[in-house]
Amino acid sequence: MSLGTAEQLRTFLELNPEIPSDIAFVDDSDDFALYDACGFGKFTDAKPEKVDLKPTNFSFKDWLAYLGNAGKLAPIKKGQKGVPEGVLRLGGTFVLAGDDVEYAWADALPGAHPEIADVLKAVGI
């Protein structure tokens, strides 16, 4: 799940073909209701006690690709002035089993995400 438009989601999936399109969704609402329902906050509201930021393992080529696509994938609505709220939104990590949430994590800040090994261990994998 991401913020943005259906067109941005298509672009993201083209850039990341390993992600199945039938499990990718986009919240294109003006009020970010889906993100709010997931308990995700905004960067400006974050007051984490302890933050464990993890560096990316991007190569130089990865960084160029990221920077080249960040603008067209950013959740910025046409005509917005100032810092768009979509850019301030934090995300998280969920593991679902049918209708059950097996694992939930809300990022305290951008980059403060769980280790994949910890997520898999938490759900018994």
PDB file of N, CA and C in Angstrom:
ATOM      1  N   MET A   1       0.847  -1.161   0.000  1.00  0.00           N
ATOM      2  CA  MET A   1       0.000   0.000   0.000  1.00  0.00           C
ATOM      3  C   MET A   1       0.896   1.229   0.000  1.00  0.00           C
ATOM      4  N   SER A   2       0.515   2.191  -0.787  1.00  0.00           N
ATOM      5  CA  SER A   2       1.289   3.419  -0.867  1.00  0.00           C
ATOM      6  C   SER A   2       0.345   4.594  -1.082  1.00  0.00           C
ATOM      7  N   LEU A   3       0.884   5.776  -0.963  1.00  0.00           N
ATOM      8  CA  LEU A   3       0.148   6.995  -1.271  1.00  0.00           C
ATOM      9  C   LEU A   3       0.446   7.384  -2.706  1.00  0.00           C
ATOM     10  N   GLY A   4      -0.514   7.992  -3.366  1.00  0.00           N
ATOM     11  CA  GLY A   4      -0.296   8.461  -4.724  1.00  0.00           C
ATOM     12  C   GLY A   4      -1.496   8.179  -5.597  1.00  0.00           C
ATOM     13  N   THR A   5      -1.235   8.029  -6.878  1.00  0.00           N
ATOM     14  CA  THR A   5      -2.288   7.791  -7.858  1.00  0.00           C
ATOM     15  C   THR A   5      -2.122   6.405  -8.474  1.00  0.00           C
ATOM     16  N   ALA A   6      -3.146   5.966  -9.175  1.00  0.00           N
ATOM     17  CA  ALA A   6      -3.069   4.681  -9.873  1.00  0.00           C
ATOM     18  C   ALA A   6      -1.933   4.698 -10.896  1.00  0.00           C
ATOM     19  N   GLU A   7      -1.738   5.828 -11.560  1.00  0.00           N
ATOM     20  CA  GLU A   7      -0.639   5.945 -12.531  1.00  0.00           C
ATOM     21  C   GLU A   7       0.719   5.802 -11.839  1.00  0.00           C
ATOM     22  N   GLN A   8       0.873   6.418 -10.675  1.00  0.00           N
ATOM     23  CA  GLN A   8       2.130   6.293  -9.934  1.00  0.00           C
ATOM     24  C   GLN A   8       2.359   4.846  -9.492  1.00  0.00           C
ATOM     25  N   LEU A   9       1.298   4.173  -9.094  1.00  0.00           N
ATOM     26  CA  LEU A   9       1.430   2.769  -8.710  1.00  0.00           C
ATOM     27  C   LEU A   9       1.887   1.933  -9.902  1.00  0.00           C
ATOM     28  N   ARG A  10       1.317   2.178 -11.081  1.00  0.00           N
ATOM     29  CA  ARG A  10       1.740   1.448 -12.285  1.00  0.00           C
ATOM     30  C   ARG A  10       3.223   1.685 -12.553  1.00  0.00           C
ATOM     31  N   THR A  11       3.666   2.927 -12.426  1.00  0.00           N
ATOM     32  CA  THR A  11       5.078   3.245 -12.643  1.00  0.00           C
ATOM     33  C   THR A  11       5.947   2.518 -11.627  1.00  0.00           C
ATOM     34  N   PHE A  12       5.541   2.549 -10.361  1.00  0.00           N
ATOM     35  CA  PHE A  12       6.289   1.860  -9.312  1.00  0.00           C
ATOM     36  C   PHE A  12       6.404   0.369  -9.614  1.00  0.00           C
ATOM     37  N   LEU A  13       5.301  -0.247 -10.024  1.00  0.00           N
ATOM     38  CA  LEU A  13       5.318  -1.684 -10.323  1.00  0.00           C
ATOM     39  C   LEU A  13       6.172  -2.000 -11.549  1.00  0.00           C
ATOM     40  N   GLU A  14       6.220  -1.103 -12.515  1.00  0.00           N
ATOM     41  CA  GLU A  14       7.109  -1.292 -13.664  1.00  0.00           C
ATOM     42  C   GLU A  14       8.565  -1.256 -13.220  1.00  0.00           C
ATOM     43  N   LEU A  15       8.873  -0.384 -12.269  1.00  0.00           N
ATOM     44  CA  LEU A  15      10.242  -0.269 -11.760  1.00  0.00           C
ATOM     45  C   LEU A  15      10.609  -1.400 -10.794  1.00  0.00           C
ATOM     46  N   ASN A  16       9.604  -2.068 -10.248  1.00  0.00           N
ATOM     47  CA  ASN A  16       9.808  -3.134  -9.260  1.00  0.00           C
ATOM     48  C   ASN A  16       9.003  -4.368  -9.680  1.00  0.00           C
ATOM     49  N   PRO A  17       9.399  -5.028 -10.773  1.00  0.00           N
ATOM     50  CA  PRO A  17       8.598  -6.126 -11.318  1.00  0.00           C
ATOM     51  C   PRO A  17       8.497  -7.348 -10.402  1.00  0.00           C
ATOM     52  N   GLU A  18       9.318  -7.416  -9.373  1.00  0.00           N
ATOM     53  CA  GLU A  18       9.237  -8.545  -8.439  1.00  0.00           C
ATOM     54  C   GLU A  18       8.033  -8.439  -7.495  1.00  0.00           C
ATOM     55  N   ILE A  19       7.383  -7.293  -7.462  1.00  0.00           N
ATOM     56  CA  ILE A  19       6.202  -7.101  -6.620  1.00  0.00           C
ATOM     57  C   ILE A  19       4.959  -7.440  -7.445  1.00  0.00           C
ATOM     58  N   PRO A  20       4.185  -8.442  -7.007  1.00  0.00           N
ATOM     59  CA  PRO A  20       2.969  -8.795  -7.754  1.00  0.00           C
ATOM     60  C   PRO A  20       1.956  -7.652  -7.720  1.00  0.00           C
ATOM     61  N   SER A  21       1.407  -7.304  -8.869  1.00  0.00           N
ATOM     62  CA  SER A  21       0.483  -6.169  -8.947  1.00  0.00           C
ATOM     63  C   SER A  21      -0.832  -6.434  -8.223  1.00  0.00           C
ATOM     64  N   ASP A  22      -1.208  -7.696  -8.039  1.00  0.00           N
ATOM     65  CA  ASP A  22      -2.489  -7.978  -7.396  1.00  0.00           C
ATOM     66  C   ASP A  22      -2.460  -7.805  -5.880  1.00  0.00           C
ATOM     67  N   ILE A  23      -1.275  -7.529  -5.323  1.00  0.00           N
ATOM     68  CA  ILE A  23      -1.205  -7.276  -3.881  1.00  0.00           C
ATOM     69  C   ILE A  23      -0.752  -5.846  -3.588  1.00  0.00           C
ATOM     70  N   ALA A  24      -0.696  -5.004  -4.613  1.00  0.00           N
ATOM     71  CA  ALA A  24      -0.273  -3.614  -4.451  1.00  0.00           C
ATOM     72  C   ALA A  24      -1.488  -2.695  -4.551  1.00  0.00           C
ATOM     73  N   PHE A  25      -1.577  -1.771  -3.610  1.00  0.00           N
ATOM     74  CA  PHE A  25      -2.717  -0.852  -3.549  1.00  0.00           C
ATOM     75  C   PHE A  25      -2.215   0.570  -3.329  1.00  0.00           C
ATOM     76  N   VAL A  26      -3.031   1.547  -3.702  1.00  0.00           N
ATOM     77  CA  VAL A  26      -2.664   2.942  -3.523  1.00  0.00           C
ATOM     78  C   VAL A  26      -3.829   3.690  -2.875  1.00  0.00           C
ATOM     79  N   ASP A  27      -3.499   4.540  -1.904  1.00  0.00           N
ATOM     80  CA  ASP A  27      -4.487   5.410  -1.259  1.00  0.00           C
ATOM     81  C   ASP A  27      -4.394   6.760  -1.957  1.00  0.00           C
ATOM     82  N   ASP A  28      -5.385   7.055  -2.786  1.00  0.00           N
ATOM     83  CA  ASP A  28      -5.370   8.326  -3.514  1.00  0.00           C
ATOM     84  C   ASP A  28      -6.373   9.329  -2.944  1.00  0.00           C
ATOM     85  N   SER A  29      -6.817   9.069  -1.708  1.00  0.00           N
ATOM     86  CA  SER A  29      -7.798   9.961  -1.082  1.00  0.00           C
ATOM     87  C   SER A  29      -7.164  11.289  -0.687  1.00  0.00           C
ATOM     88  N   ASP A  30      -8.003  12.296  -0.535  1.00  0.00           N
ATOM     89  CA  ASP A  30      -7.506  13.605  -0.108  1.00  0.00           C
ATOM     90  C   ASP A  30      -7.235  13.658   1.391  1.00  0.00           C
ATOM     91  N   ASP A  31      -7.863  12.754   2.152  1.00  0.00           N
ATOM     92  CA  ASP A  31      -7.717  12.797   3.616  1.00  0.00           C
ATOM     93  C   ASP A  31      -6.831  11.685   4.190  1.00  0.00           C
ATOM     94  N   PHE A  32      -6.238  10.856   3.330  1.00  0.00           N
ATOM     95  CA  PHE A  32      -5.333   9.783   3.768  1.00  0.00           C
ATOM     96  C   PHE A  32      -5.999   8.849   4.772  1.00  0.00           C
ATOM     97  N   ALA A  33      -7.287   8.589   4.549  1.00  0.00           N
ATOM     98  CA  ALA A  33      -8.085   7.795   5.483  1.00  0.00           C
ATOM     99  C   ALA A  33      -7.519   6.397   5.703  1.00  0.00           C
ATOM    100  N   LEU A  34      -7.006   5.774   4.653  1.00  0.00           N
ATOM    101  CA  LEU A  34      -6.457   4.424   4.799  1.00  0.00           C
ATOM    102  C   LEU A  34      -5.208   4.450   5.674  1.00  0.00           C
ATOM    103  N   TYR A  35      -4.367   5.413   5.464  1.00  0.00           N
ATOM    104  CA  TYR A  35      -3.158   5.531   6.302  1.00  0.00           C
ATOM    105  C   TYR A  35      -3.527   5.828   7.752  1.00  0.00           C
ATOM    106  N   ASP A  36      -4.508   6.685   7.954  1.00  0.00           N
ATOM    107  CA  ASP A  36      -4.971   6.968   9.310  1.00  0.00           C
ATOM    108  C   ASP A  36      -5.529   5.705   9.959  1.00  0.00           C
ATOM    109  N   ALA A  37      -6.307   4.929   9.205  1.00  0.00           N
ATOM    110  CA  ALA A  37      -6.888   3.696   9.740  1.00  0.00           C
ATOM    111  C   ALA A  37      -5.820   2.687  10.135  1.00  0.00           C
ATOM    112  N   CYS A  38      -4.676   2.745   9.465  1.00  0.00           N
ATOM    113  CA  CYS A  38      -3.562   1.843   9.789  1.00  0.00           C
ATOM    114  C   CYS A  38      -2.748   2.342  10.982  1.00  0.00           C
ATOM    115  N   GLY A  39      -3.048   3.539  11.451  1.00  0.00           N
ATOM    116  CA  GLY A  39      -2.314   4.086  12.584  1.00  0.00           C
ATOM    117  C   GLY A  39      -1.018   4.788  12.203  1.00  0.00           C
ATOM    118  N   PHE A  40      -0.875   5.111  10.934  1.00  0.00           N
ATOM    119  CA  PHE A  40       0.332   5.793  10.477  1.00  0.00           C
ATOM    120  C   PHE A  40       0.191   7.294  10.697  1.00  0.00           C
ATOM    121  N   GLY A  41       1.234   7.900  11.192  1.00  0.00           N
ATOM    122  CA  GLY A  41       1.210   9.326  11.477  1.00  0.00           C
ATOM    123  C   GLY A  41       1.927  10.140  10.423  1.00  0.00           C
ATOM    124  N   LYS A  42       2.331  11.340  10.827  1.00  0.00           N
ATOM    125  CA  LYS A  42       3.073  12.242   9.954  1.00  0.00           C
ATOM    126  C   LYS A  42       4.441  12.496  10.565  1.00  0.00           C
ATOM    127  N   PHE A  43       5.384  12.762   9.717  1.00  0.00           N
ATOM    128  CA  PHE A  43       6.753  13.053  10.133  1.00  0.00           C
ATOM    129  C   PHE A  43       6.783  14.206  11.129  1.00  0.00           C
ATOM    130  N   THR A  44       5.947  15.215  10.931  1.00  0.00           N
ATOM    131  CA  THR A  44       5.954  16.396  11.792  1.00  0.00           C
ATOM    132  C   THR A  44       5.384  16.119  13.177  1.00  0.00           C
ATOM    133  N   ASP A  45       4.634  15.035  13.332  1.00  0.00           N
ATOM    134  CA  ASP A  45       4.052  14.684  14.625  1.00  0.00           C
ATOM    135  C   ASP A  45       4.894  13.677  15.397  1.00  0.00           C
ATOM    136  N   ALA A  46       5.917  13.140  14.766  1.00  0.00           N
ATOM    137  CA  ALA A  46       6.711  12.068  15.376  1.00  0.00           C
ATOM    138  C   ALA A  46       7.519  12.597  16.560  1.00  0.00           C
ATOM    139  N   LYS A  47       7.436  11.858  17.659  1.00  0.00           N
ATOM    140  CA  LYS A  47       8.226  12.174  18.850  1.00  0.00           C
ATOM    141  C   LYS A  47       8.778  10.856  19.419  1.00  0.00           C
ATOM    142  N   PRO A  48       9.598  10.186  18.636  1.00  0.00           N
ATOM    143  CA  PRO A  48      10.089   8.879  19.079  1.00  0.00           C
ATOM    144  C   PRO A  48      11.064   9.006  20.244  1.00  0.00           C
ATOM    145  N   GLU A  49      10.972   8.052  21.174  1.00  0.00           N
ATOM    146  CA  GLU A  49      11.917   8.031  22.292  1.00  0.00           C
ATOM    147  C   GLU A  49      13.276   7.531  21.822  1.00  0.00           C
ATOM    148  N   LYS A  50      13.250   6.489  21.030  1.00  0.00           N
ATOM    149  CA  LYS A  50      14.484   5.914  20.504  1.00  0.00           C
ATOM    150  C   LYS A  50      14.244   5.581  19.038  1.00  0.00           C
ATOM    151  N   VAL A  51      15.172   5.966  18.197  1.00  0.00           N
ATOM    152  CA  VAL A  51      15.032   5.707  16.774  1.00  0.00           C
ATOM    153  C   VAL A  51      16.219   4.886  16.311  1.00  0.00           C
ATOM    154  N   ASP A  52      15.921   3.811  15.594  1.00  0.00           N
ATOM    155  CA  ASP A  52      16.953   2.946  15.056  1.00  0.00           C
ATOM    156  C   ASP A  52      16.909   3.043  13.537  1.00  0.00           C
ATOM    157  N   LEU A  53      17.553   4.090  12.992  1.00  0.00           N
ATOM    158  CA  LEU A  53      17.573   4.284  11.551  1.00  0.00           C
ATOM    159  C   LEU A  53      18.563   3.315  10.929  1.00  0.00           C
ATOM    160  N   LYS A  54      18.158   2.739   9.809  1.00  0.00           N
ATOM    161  CA  LYS A  54      18.995   1.772   9.129  1.00  0.00           C
ATOM    162  C   LYS A  54      19.420   2.338   7.787  1.00  0.00           C
ATOM    163  N   PRO A  55      20.700   2.307   7.488  1.00  0.00           N
ATOM    164  CA  PRO A  55      21.143   2.824   6.198  1.00  0.00           C
ATOM    165  C   PRO A  55      20.697   1.890   5.069  1.00  0.00           C
ATOM    166  N   THR A  56      20.517   2.464   3.898  1.00  0.00           N
ATOM    167  CA  THR A  56      20.181   1.632   2.740  1.00  0.00           C
ATOM    168  C   THR A  56      21.446   0.952   2.242  1.00  0.00           C
ATOM    169  N   ASN A  57      21.262  -0.100   1.488  1.00  0.00           N
ATOM    170  CA  ASN A  57      22.414  -0.740   0.852  1.00  0.00           C
ATOM    171  C   ASN A  57      22.398  -0.427  -0.647  1.00  0.00           C
ATOM    172  N   PHE A  58      21.980   0.802  -0.959  1.00  0.00           N
ATOM    173  CA  PHE A  58      21.919   1.235  -2.350  1.00  0.00           C
ATOM    174  C   PHE A  58      23.315   1.368  -2.938  1.00  0.00           C
ATOM    175  N   SER A  59      23.447   0.925  -4.169  1.00  0.00           N
ATOM    176  CA  SER A  59      24.656   1.195  -4.934  1.00  0.00           C
ATOM    177  C   SER A  59      24.517   2.593  -5.544  1.00  0.00           C
ATOM    178  N   PHE A  60      25.558   3.074  -6.164  1.00  0.00           N
ATOM    179  CA  PHE A  60      25.495   4.367  -6.833  1.00  0.00           C
ATOM    180  C   PHE A  60      24.397   4.349  -7.900  1.00  0.00           C
ATOM    181  N   LYS A  61      24.309   3.249  -8.650  1.00  0.00           N
ATOM    182  CA  LYS A  61      23.278   3.101  -9.682  1.00  0.00           C
ATOM    183  C   LYS A  61      21.885   3.123  -9.055  1.00  0.00           C
ATOM    184  N   ASP A  62      21.713   2.447  -7.912  1.00  0.00           N
ATOM    185  CA  ASP A  62      20.421   2.458  -7.209  1.00  0.00           C
ATOM    186  C   ASP A  62      20.031   3.874  -6.804  1.00  0.00           C
ATOM    187  N   TRP A  63      20.980   4.644  -6.280  1.00  0.00           N
ATOM    188  CA  TRP A  63      20.698   6.017  -5.864  1.00  0.00           C
ATOM    189  C   TRP A  63      20.282   6.878  -7.056  1.00  0.00           C
ATOM    190  N   LEU A  64      20.958   6.704  -8.186  1.00  0.00           N
ATOM    191  CA  LEU A  64      20.593   7.467  -9.378  1.00  0.00           C
ATOM    192  C   LEU A  64      19.173   7.124  -9.821  1.00  0.00           C
ATOM    193  N   ALA A  65      18.830   5.834  -9.796  1.00  0.00           N
ATOM    194  CA  ALA A  65      17.477   5.417 -10.178  1.00  0.00           C
ATOM    195  C   ALA A  65      16.454   5.977  -9.197  1.00  0.00           C
ATOM    196  N   TYR A  66      16.757   5.919  -7.909  1.00  0.00           N
ATOM    197  CA  TYR A  66      15.848   6.441  -6.893  1.00  0.00           C
ATOM    198  C   TYR A  66      15.613   7.938  -7.104  1.00  0.00           C
ATOM    199  N   LEU A  67      16.690   8.688  -7.216  1.00  0.00           N
ATOM    200  CA  LEU A  67      16.569  10.135  -7.373  1.00  0.00           C
ATOM    201  C   LEU A  67      15.879  10.508  -8.684  1.00  0.00           C
ATOM    202  N   GLY A  68      16.092   9.713  -9.724  1.00  0.00           N
ATOM    203  CA  GLY A  68      15.466   9.972 -11.007  1.00  0.00           C
ATOM    204  C   GLY A  68      13.963   9.727 -11.006  1.00  0.00           C
ATOM    205  N   ASN A  69      13.489   8.881 -10.083  1.00  0.00           N
ATOM    206  CA  ASN A  69      12.065   8.539 -10.047  1.00  0.00           C
ATOM    207  C   ASN A  69      11.317   9.138  -8.862  1.00  0.00           C
ATOM    208  N   ALA A  70      12.014   9.654  -7.875  1.00  0.00           N
ATOM    209  CA  ALA A  70      11.374  10.142  -6.648  1.00  0.00           C
ATOM    210  C   ALA A  70      10.344  11.229  -6.926  1.00  0.00           C
ATOM    211  N   GLY A  71      10.648  12.145  -7.782  1.00  0.00           N
ATOM    212  CA  GLY A  71       9.726  13.242  -8.070  1.00  0.00           C
ATOM    213  C   GLY A  71       8.422  12.781  -8.691  1.00  0.00           C
ATOM    214  N   LYS A  72       8.504  11.865  -9.659  1.00  0.00           N
ATOM    215  CA  LYS A  72       7.264  11.439 -10.315  1.00  0.00           C
ATOM    216  C   LYS A  72       6.472  10.444  -9.482  1.00  0.00           C
ATOM    217  N   LEU A  73       7.089   9.861  -8.454  1.00  0.00           N
ATOM    218  CA  LEU A  73       6.371   8.928  -7.584  1.00  0.00           C
ATOM    219  C   LEU A  73       5.923   9.555  -6.270  1.00  0.00           C
ATOM    220  N   ALA A  74       6.378  10.767  -5.985  1.00  0.00           N
ATOM    221  CA  ALA A  74       6.013  11.428  -4.728  1.00  0.00           C
ATOM    222  C   ALA A  74       4.510  11.733  -4.693  1.00  0.00           C
ATOM    223  N   PRO A  75       3.886  11.527  -3.525  1.00  0.00           N
ATOM    224  CA  PRO A  75       2.435  11.781  -3.409  1.00  0.00           C
ATOM    225  C   PRO A  75       2.120  13.264  -3.282  1.00  0.00           C
ATOM    226  N   ILE A  76       2.298  13.965  -4.388  1.00  0.00           N
ATOM    227  CA  ILE A  76       2.045  15.406  -4.423  1.00  0.00           C
ATOM    228  C   ILE A  76       0.895  15.648  -5.389  1.00  0.00           C
ATOM    229  N   LYS A  77      -0.171  16.225  -4.893  1.00  0.00           N
ATOM    230  CA  LYS A  77      -1.345  16.520  -5.730  1.00  0.00           C
ATOM    231  C   LYS A  77      -1.083  17.775  -6.560  1.00  0.00           C
ATOM    232  N   LYS A  78      -1.597  17.787  -7.761  1.00  0.00           N
ATOM    233  CA  LYS A  78      -1.409  18.941  -8.654  1.00  0.00           C
ATOM    234  C   LYS A  78      -1.934  20.215  -7.997  1.00  0.00           C
ATOM    235  N   GLY A  79      -1.143  21.269  -8.098  1.00  0.00           N
ATOM    236  CA  GLY A  79      -1.550  22.563  -7.577  1.00  0.00           C
ATOM    237  C   GLY A  79      -1.280  22.776  -6.099  1.00  0.00           C
ATOM    238  N   GLN A  80      -0.708  21.794  -5.431  1.00  0.00           N
ATOM    239  CA  GLN A  80      -0.436  21.959  -3.994  1.00  0.00           C
ATOM    240  C   GLN A  80       0.675  22.973  -3.772  1.00  0.00           C
ATOM    241  N   LYS A  81       0.511  23.743  -2.733  1.00  0.00           N
ATOM    242  CA  LYS A  81       1.526  24.728  -2.340  1.00  0.00           C
ATOM    243  C   LYS A  81       2.133  24.286  -1.011  1.00  0.00           C
ATOM    244  N   GLY A  82       3.357  24.695  -0.768  1.00  0.00           N
ATOM    245  CA  GLY A  82       4.024  24.342   0.483  1.00  0.00           C
ATOM    246  C   GLY A  82       4.409  22.867   0.498  1.00  0.00           C
ATOM    247  N   VAL A  83       4.658  22.341   1.690  1.00  0.00           N
ATOM    248  CA  VAL A  83       5.042  20.942   1.833  1.00  0.00           C
ATOM    249  C   VAL A  83       3.773  20.089   1.774  1.00  0.00           C
ATOM    250  N   PRO A  84       3.651  19.226   0.776  1.00  0.00           N
ATOM    251  CA  PRO A  84       2.444  18.404   0.646  1.00  0.00           C
ATOM    252  C   PRO A  84       2.334  17.403   1.794  1.00  0.00           C
ATOM    253  N   GLU A  85       1.113  17.226   2.309  1.00  0.00           N
ATOM    254  CA  GLU A  85       0.917  16.309   3.422  1.00  0.00           C
ATOM    255  C   GLU A  85       1.314  14.884   3.063  1.00  0.00           C
ATOM    256  N   GLY A  86       1.111  14.481   1.807  1.00  0.00           N
ATOM    257  CA  GLY A  86       1.477  13.131   1.396  1.00  0.00           C
ATOM    258  C   GLY A  86       2.949  12.828   1.569  1.00  0.00           C
ATOM    259  N   VAL A  87       3.782  13.845   1.426  1.00  0.00           N
ATOM    260  CA  VAL A  87       5.223  13.672   1.596  1.00  0.00           C
ATOM    261  C   VAL A  87       5.574  13.501   3.077  1.00  0.00           C
ATOM    262  N   LEU A  88       4.748  14.050   3.955  1.00  0.00           N
ATOM    263  CA  LEU A  88       5.003  13.979   5.391  1.00  0.00           C
ATOM    264  C   LEU A  88       4.522  12.675   6.030  1.00  0.00           C
ATOM    265  N   ARG A  89       3.746  11.896   5.312  1.00  0.00           N
ATOM    266  CA  ARG A  89       3.147  10.693   5.875  1.00  0.00           C
ATOM    267  C   ARG A  89       4.183   9.594   6.090  1.00  0.00           C
ATOM    268  N   LEU A  90       4.067   8.927   7.232  1.00  0.00           N
ATOM    269  CA  LEU A  90       4.911   7.794   7.568  1.00  0.00           C
ATOM    270  C   LEU A  90       4.201   6.510   7.173  1.00  0.00           C
ATOM    271  N   GLY A  91       4.960   5.465   6.988  1.00  0.00           N
ATOM    272  CA  GLY A  91       4.398   4.175   6.601  1.00  0.00           C
ATOM    273  C   GLY A  91       4.608   3.133   7.678  1.00  0.00           C
ATOM    274  N   GLY A  92       4.598   1.897   7.265  1.00  0.00           N
ATOM    275  CA  GLY A  92       4.766   0.812   8.210  1.00  0.00           C
ATOM    276  C   GLY A  92       4.855  -0.528   7.521  1.00  0.00           C
ATOM    277  N   THR A  93       4.783  -1.579   8.321  1.00  0.00           N
ATOM    278  CA  THR A  93       4.921  -2.945   7.830  1.00  0.00           C
ATOM    279  C   THR A  93       3.810  -3.796   8.428  1.00  0.00           C
ATOM    280  N   PHE A  94       3.122  -4.529   7.564  1.00  0.00           N
ATOM    281  CA  PHE A  94       2.092  -5.460   8.008  1.00  0.00           C
ATOM    282  C   PHE A  94       2.351  -6.821   7.388  1.00  0.00           C
ATOM    283  N   VAL A  95       2.037  -7.870   8.139  1.00  0.00           N
ATOM    284  CA  VAL A  95       1.981  -9.223   7.592  1.00  0.00           C
ATOM    285  C   VAL A  95       0.556  -9.701   7.823  1.00  0.00           C
ATOM    286  N   LEU A  96      -0.099 -10.075   6.722  1.00  0.00           N
ATOM    287  CA  LEU A  96      -1.480 -10.513   6.780  1.00  0.00           C
ATOM    288  C   LEU A  96      -1.566 -11.999   6.481  1.00  0.00           C
ATOM    289  N   ALA A  97      -2.480 -12.677   7.175  1.00  0.00           N
ATOM    290  CA  ALA A  97      -2.820 -14.069   6.897  1.00  0.00           C
ATOM    291  C   ALA A  97      -4.332 -14.103   6.747  1.00  0.00           C
ATOM    292  N   GLY A  98      -4.795 -14.062   5.507  1.00  0.00           N
ATOM    293  CA  GLY A  98      -6.232 -13.939   5.275  1.00  0.00           C
ATOM    294  C   GLY A  98      -6.710 -12.590   5.793  1.00  0.00           C
ATOM    295  N   ASP A  99      -7.681 -12.603   6.697  1.00  0.00           N
ATOM    296  CA  ASP A  99      -8.204 -11.374   7.284  1.00  0.00           C
ATOM    297  C   ASP A  99      -7.495 -10.984   8.578  1.00  0.00           C
ATOM    298  N   ASP A 100      -6.531 -11.794   9.013  1.00  0.00           N
ATOM    299  CA  ASP A 100      -5.846 -11.553  10.282  1.00  0.00           C
ATOM    300  C   ASP A 100      -4.541 -10.794  10.090  1.00  0.00           C
ATOM    301  N   VAL A 101      -4.289  -9.821  10.969  1.00  0.00           N
ATOM    302  CA  VAL A 101      -3.020  -9.109  10.980  1.00  0.00           C
ATOM    303  C   VAL A 101      -2.083  -9.886  11.905  1.00  0.00           C
ATOM    304  N   GLU A 102      -1.072 -10.494  11.320  1.00  0.00           N
ATOM    305  CA  GLU A 102      -0.115 -11.301  12.082  1.00  0.00           C
ATOM    306  C   GLU A 102       0.998 -10.447  12.687  1.00  0.00           C
ATOM    307  N   TYR A 103       1.269  -9.318  12.061  1.00  0.00           N
ATOM    308  CA  TYR A 103       2.349  -8.436  12.513  1.00  0.00           C
ATOM    309  C   TYR A 103       2.013  -7.024  12.059  1.00  0.00           C
ATOM    310  N   ALA A 104       2.253  -6.053  12.932  1.00  0.00           N
ATOM    311  CA  ALA A 104       2.018  -4.652  12.578  1.00  0.00           C
ATOM    312  C   ALA A 104       3.127  -3.778  13.150  1.00  0.00           C
ATOM    313  N   TRP A 105       3.564  -2.834  12.373  1.00  0.00           N
ATOM    314  CA  TRP A 105       4.624  -1.904  12.763  1.00  0.00           C
ATOM    315  C   TRP A 105       4.350  -0.569  12.087  1.00  0.00           C
ATOM    316  N   ALA A 106       4.369   0.507  12.854  1.00  0.00           N
ATOM    317  CA  ALA A 106       4.247   1.859  12.305  1.00  0.00           C
ATOM    318  C   ALA A 106       5.604   2.538  12.441  1.00  0.00           C
ATOM    319  N   ASP A 107       6.128   3.041  11.346  1.00  0.00           N
ATOM    320  CA  ASP A 107       7.431   3.714  11.370  1.00  0.00           C
ATOM    321  C   ASP A 107       7.368   4.965  12.239  1.00  0.00           C
ATOM    322  N   ALA A 108       8.375   5.144  13.093  1.00  0.00           N
ATOM    323  CA  ALA A 108       8.462   6.344  13.929  1.00  0.00           C
ATOM    324  C   ALA A 108       8.996   7.530  13.130  1.00  0.00           C
ATOM    325  N   LEU A 109       9.849   7.237  12.175  1.00  0.00           N
ATOM    326  CA  LEU A 109      10.440   8.220  11.268  1.00  0.00           C
ATOM    327  C   LEU A 109      10.744   7.507   9.953  1.00  0.00           C
ATOM    328  N   PRO A 110      10.938   8.236   8.861  1.00  0.00           N
ATOM    329  CA  PRO A 110      11.354   7.567   7.634  1.00  0.00           C
ATOM    330  C   PRO A 110      12.673   6.825   7.863  1.00  0.00           C
ATOM    331  N   GLY A 111      12.734   5.585   7.433  1.00  0.00           N
ATOM    332  CA  GLY A 111      13.952   4.790   7.601  1.00  0.00           C
ATOM    333  C   GLY A 111      13.992   3.994   8.887  1.00  0.00           C
ATOM    334  N   ALA A 112      13.051   4.225   9.798  1.00  0.00           N
ATOM    335  CA  ALA A 112      13.020   3.486  11.076  1.00  0.00           C
ATOM    336  C   ALA A 112      12.063   2.312  10.912  1.00  0.00           C
ATOM    337  N   HIS A 113      12.467   1.327  10.132  1.00  0.00           N
ATOM    338  CA  HIS A 113      11.625   0.174   9.822  1.00  0.00           C
ATOM    339  C   HIS A 113      12.174  -1.073  10.506  1.00  0.00           C
ATOM    340  N   PRO A 114      11.358  -2.107  10.628  1.00  0.00           N
ATOM    341  CA  PRO A 114      11.839  -3.325  11.286  1.00  0.00           C
ATOM    342  C   PRO A 114      12.792  -4.104  10.383  1.00  0.00           C
ATOM    343  N   GLU A 115      13.633  -4.905  10.998  1.00  0.00           N
ATOM    344  CA  GLU A 115      14.491  -5.809  10.236  1.00  0.00           C
ATOM    345  C   GLU A 115      13.617  -6.925   9.674  1.00  0.00           C
ATOM    346  N   ILE A 116      13.838  -7.295   8.435  1.00  0.00           N
ATOM    347  CA  ILE A 116      13.029  -8.345   7.805  1.00  0.00           C
ATOM    348  C   ILE A 116      13.119  -9.644   8.598  1.00  0.00           C
ATOM    349  N   ALA A 117      14.309  -9.988   9.077  1.00  0.00           N
ATOM    350  CA  ALA A 117      14.477 -11.216   9.865  1.00  0.00           C
ATOM    351  C   ALA A 117      13.610 -11.187  11.122  1.00  0.00           C
ATOM    352  N   ASP A 118      13.485 -10.027  11.764  1.00  0.00           N
ATOM    353  CA  ASP A 118      12.650  -9.898  12.964  1.00  0.00           C
ATOM    354  C   ASP A 118      11.166 -10.066  12.627  1.00  0.00           C
ATOM    355  N   VAL A 119      10.743  -9.528  11.487  1.00  0.00           N
ATOM    356  CA  VAL A 119       9.359  -9.661  11.061  1.00  0.00           C
ATOM    357  C   VAL A 119       9.052 -11.135  10.789  1.00  0.00           C
ATOM    358  N   LEU A 120       9.918 -11.804  10.039  1.00  0.00           N
ATOM    359  CA  LEU A 120       9.701 -13.219   9.734  1.00  0.00           C
ATOM    360  C   LEU A 120       9.692 -14.081  10.989  1.00  0.00           C
ATOM    361  N   LYS A 121      10.577 -13.779  11.918  1.00  0.00           N
ATOM    362  CA  LYS A 121      10.612 -14.531  13.185  1.00  0.00           C
ATOM    363  C   LYS A 121       9.320 -14.319  13.974  1.00  0.00           C
ATOM    364  N   ALA A 122       8.832 -13.094  13.980  1.00  0.00           N
ATOM    365  CA  ALA A 122       7.615 -12.769  14.734  1.00  0.00           C
ATOM    366  C   ALA A 122       6.397 -13.528  14.210  1.00  0.00           C
ATOM    367  N   VAL A 123       6.403 -13.867  12.915  1.00  0.00           N
ATOM    368  CA  VAL A 123       5.261 -14.600  12.343  1.00  0.00           C
ATOM    369  C   VAL A 123       5.558 -16.083  12.144  1.00  0.00           C
ATOM    370  N   GLY A 124       6.665 -16.539  12.729  1.00  0.00           N
ATOM    371  CA  GLY A 124       6.972 -17.961  12.723  1.00  0.00           C
ATOM    372  C   GLY A 124       7.587 -18.486  11.437  1.00  0.00           C
ATOM    373  N   ILE A 125       8.249 -17.632  10.705  1.00  0.00           N
ATOM    374  CA  ILE A 125       8.921 -18.072   9.469  1.00  0.00           C
ATOM    375  C   ILE A 125      10.419 -18.062   9.684  1.00  0.00           C
TER     376      ILE A 125
END
